[in-house]
Amino acid sequence: MPFLELSQIDQREMLPGCHARFVHGDNMTVSYWNLDKGAVIPEHAHRHEQVTSLIEGEMELTLDGECKLLPPGSVVAIPSNGKHGVKALTQCYVIDVFYPVREDYR
């Protein structure tokens, strides 16, 4: 199905206050996150390259020990195996793109 309606994709709570919808291609995954104010994604790393785009809200993102305050419109390119984590300072809407596909999110 190449044409999808985002609102028709089931939203899953991946961690407390972290709700996501996932779209998978053959080689990549796109995730659409709604993060509640105060939600935390603990520091972690994975083999996937990740591009994070903050659409709405403010969050702190730590990447390899460096913490940055991100306003809306921020984009972060996270390399493969880069250790990263997030704290939502407000309600946030985030789009992540992963390469290769995140089989663990299917």
C-alpha atoms as a PDB file:
ATOM      1  CA  MET A   1       0.000   0.000   0.000  1.00  0.00           C
ATOM      2  CA  PRO A   2       1.893   3.088  -1.142  1.00  0.00           C
ATOM      3  CA  PHE A   3      -0.864   5.513  -0.052  1.00  0.00           C
ATOM      4  CA  LEU A   4      -1.624   5.681   3.656  1.00  0.00           C
ATOM      5  CA  GLU A   5      -3.629   7.903   5.977  1.00  0.00           C
ATOM      6  CA  LEU A   6      -1.557   8.582   9.102  1.00  0.00           C
ATOM      7  CA  SER A   7      -4.644   8.773  11.318  1.00  0.00           C
ATOM      8  CA  GLN A   8      -5.566   5.223  10.227  1.00  0.00           C
ATOM      9  CA  ILE A   9      -2.257   3.748  11.461  1.00  0.00           C
ATOM     10  CA  ASP A  10      -2.452   2.354  14.990  1.00  0.00           C
ATOM     11  CA  GLN A  11      -0.614   4.474  17.531  1.00  0.00           C
ATOM     12  CA  ARG A  12       1.468   2.514  20.045  1.00  0.00           C
ATOM     13  CA  GLU A  13       2.753   3.653  23.434  1.00  0.00           C
ATOM     14  CA  MET A  14       6.407   2.600  23.205  1.00  0.00           C
ATOM     15  CA  LEU A  15       7.372   4.086  26.599  1.00  0.00           C
ATOM     16  CA  PRO A  16       5.291   6.042  29.129  1.00  0.00           C
ATOM     17  CA  GLY A  17       4.129   9.224  27.388  1.00  0.00           C
ATOM     18  CA  CYS A  18       5.788   8.243  24.076  1.00  0.00           C
ATOM     19  CA  HIS A  19       3.227   7.395  21.384  1.00  0.00           C
ATOM     20  CA  ALA A  20       4.263   6.478  17.835  1.00  0.00           C
ATOM     21  CA  ARG A  21       2.963   5.458  14.445  1.00  0.00           C
ATOM     22  CA  PHE A  22       5.284   3.610  12.048  1.00  0.00           C
ATOM     23  CA  VAL A  23       5.534   3.360   8.276  1.00  0.00           C
ATOM     24  CA  HIS A  24       7.971   0.818   6.830  1.00  0.00           C
ATOM     25  CA  GLY A  25       9.489   0.660   3.377  1.00  0.00           C
ATOM     26  CA  ASP A  26      11.843  -1.994   2.076  1.00  0.00           C
ATOM     27  CA  ASN A  27      14.901  -0.157   3.417  1.00  0.00           C
ATOM     28  CA  MET A  28      13.722   2.472   5.895  1.00  0.00           C
ATOM     29  CA  THR A  29      11.273   3.230   8.673  1.00  0.00           C
ATOM     30  CA  VAL A  30       9.559   6.548   9.361  1.00  0.00           C
ATOM     31  CA  SER A  31       8.079   7.098  12.812  1.00  0.00           C
ATOM     32  CA  TYR A  32       5.687   9.832  13.912  1.00  0.00           C
ATOM     33  CA  TRP A  33       5.964  10.519  17.649  1.00  0.00           C
ATOM     34  CA  ASN A  34       3.686  12.377  20.040  1.00  0.00           C
ATOM     35  CA  LEU A  35       5.636  12.926  23.252  1.00  0.00           C
ATOM     36  CA  ASP A  36       3.871  14.099  26.402  1.00  0.00           C
ATOM     37  CA  LYS A  37       5.487  16.899  28.397  1.00  0.00           C
ATOM     38  CA  GLY A  38       8.082  15.278  30.681  1.00  0.00           C
ATOM     39  CA  ALA A  39       8.315  12.053  28.637  1.00  0.00           C
ATOM     40  CA  VAL A  40      11.773  10.487  28.548  1.00  0.00           C
ATOM     41  CA  ILE A  41      13.381   8.177  26.027  1.00  0.00           C
ATOM     42  CA  PRO A  42      16.410   6.848  27.937  1.00  0.00           C
ATOM     43  CA  GLU A  43      19.843   6.937  26.331  1.00  0.00           C
ATOM     44  CA  HIS A  44      20.331   4.041  23.952  1.00  0.00           C
ATOM     45  CA  ALA A  45      22.110   3.155  20.715  1.00  0.00           C
ATOM     46  CA  HIS A  46      21.247   1.061  17.666  1.00  0.00           C
ATOM     47  CA  ARG A  47      22.838   0.152  14.355  1.00  0.00           C
ATOM     48  CA  HIS A  48      20.402   2.310  12.398  1.00  0.00           C
ATOM     49  CA  GLU A  49      21.195   5.781  11.128  1.00  0.00           C
ATOM     50  CA  GLN A  50      18.492   8.154  12.359  1.00  0.00           C
ATOM     51  CA  VAL A  51      17.380  11.624  11.336  1.00  0.00           C
ATOM     52  CA  THR A  52      15.194  13.311  13.944  1.00  0.00           C
ATOM     53  CA  SER A  53      13.022  16.304  13.035  1.00  0.00           C
ATOM     54  CA  LEU A  54      11.304  18.244  15.819  1.00  0.00           C
ATOM     55  CA  ILE A  55       8.111  19.644  14.301  1.00  0.00           C
ATOM     56  CA  GLU A  56       6.409  21.040  17.422  1.00  0.00           C
ATOM     57  CA  GLY A  57       7.507  21.613  21.019  1.00  0.00           C
ATOM     58  CA  GLU A  58      10.845  21.794  22.808  1.00  0.00           C
ATOM     59  CA  MET A  59      13.010  18.921  23.929  1.00  0.00           C
ATOM     60  CA  GLU A  60      16.475  18.143  25.195  1.00  0.00           C
ATOM     61  CA  LEU A  61      18.403  15.652  23.104  1.00  0.00           C
ATOM     62  CA  THR A  62      21.653  14.106  24.289  1.00  0.00           C
ATOM     63  CA  LEU A  63      23.956  12.634  21.645  1.00  0.00           C
ATOM     64  CA  ASP A  64      27.230  10.989  22.664  1.00  0.00           C
ATOM     65  CA  GLY A  65      27.264  12.949  25.933  1.00  0.00           C
ATOM     66  CA  GLU A  66      26.405  16.367  24.435  1.00  0.00           C
ATOM     67  CA  CYS A  67      23.019  17.749  25.499  1.00  0.00           C
ATOM     68  CA  LYS A  68      21.223  20.356  23.357  1.00  0.00           C
ATOM     69  CA  LEU A  69      17.957  22.240  23.795  1.00  0.00           C
ATOM     70  CA  LEU A  70      16.029  21.828  20.541  1.00  0.00           C
ATOM     71  CA  PRO A  71      13.371  24.289  19.373  1.00  0.00           C
ATOM     72  CA  PRO A  72      10.805  23.491  16.662  1.00  0.00           C
ATOM     73  CA  GLY A  73      12.429  23.083  13.253  1.00  0.00           C
ATOM     74  CA  SER A  74      15.540  21.390  14.648  1.00  0.00           C
ATOM     75  CA  VAL A  75      17.002  18.439  12.778  1.00  0.00           C
ATOM     76  CA  VAL A  76      19.568  16.008  14.227  1.00  0.00           C
ATOM     77  CA  ALA A  77      21.508  13.417  12.205  1.00  0.00           C
ATOM     78  CA  ILE A  78      22.291  10.545  14.587  1.00  0.00           C
ATOM     79  CA  PRO A  79      24.958   8.185  13.284  1.00  0.00           C
ATOM     80  CA  SER A  80      24.832   4.421  13.524  1.00  0.00           C
ATOM     81  CA  ASN A  81      25.557   3.378  17.149  1.00  0.00           C
ATOM     82  CA  GLY A  82      25.399   6.981  18.411  1.00  0.00           C
ATOM     83  CA  LYS A  83      24.242   6.966  22.039  1.00  0.00           C
ATOM     84  CA  HIS A  84      21.227   9.256  22.351  1.00  0.00           C
ATOM     85  CA  GLY A  85      18.207  10.044  24.514  1.00  0.00           C
ATOM     86  CA  VAL A  86      15.413  12.610  24.775  1.00  0.00           C
ATOM     87  CA  LYS A  87      13.420  14.527  27.376  1.00  0.00           C
ATOM     88  CA  ALA A  88      10.298  16.357  26.187  1.00  0.00           C
ATOM     89  CA  LEU A  89      10.157  19.777  27.875  1.00  0.00           C
ATOM     90  CA  THR A  90       6.732  20.448  26.334  1.00  0.00           C
ATOM     91  CA  GLN A  91       4.274  18.404  24.310  1.00  0.00           C
ATOM     92  CA  CYS A  92       6.282  17.429  21.188  1.00  0.00           C
ATOM     93  CA  TYR A  93       5.643  16.132  17.695  1.00  0.00           C
ATOM     94  CA  VAL A  94       8.705  14.437  16.204  1.00  0.00           C
ATOM     95  CA  ILE A  95       9.390  12.601  12.957  1.00  0.00           C
ATOM     96  CA  ASP A  96      12.238  10.061  12.885  1.00  0.00           C
ATOM     97  CA  VAL A  97      13.632   8.399   9.770  1.00  0.00           C
ATOM     98  CA  PHE A  98      15.688   5.222  10.211  1.00  0.00           C
ATOM     99  CA  TYR A  99      17.956   3.345   7.811  1.00  0.00           C
ATOM    100  CA  PRO A 100      17.888   0.407   7.497  1.00  0.00           C
ATOM    101  CA  VAL A 101      14.328  -0.546   8.364  1.00  0.00           C
ATOM    102  CA  ARG A 102      13.564  -0.987  12.093  1.00  0.00           C
ATOM    103  CA  GLU A 103      12.339  -4.585  12.179  1.00  0.00           C
ATOM    104  CA  ASP A 104      11.829  -4.228  15.952  1.00  0.00           C
ATOM    105  CA  TYR A 105       9.148  -1.581  15.252  1.00  0.00           C
ATOM    106  CA  ARG A 106       7.071  -3.734  12.865  1.00  0.00           C
END
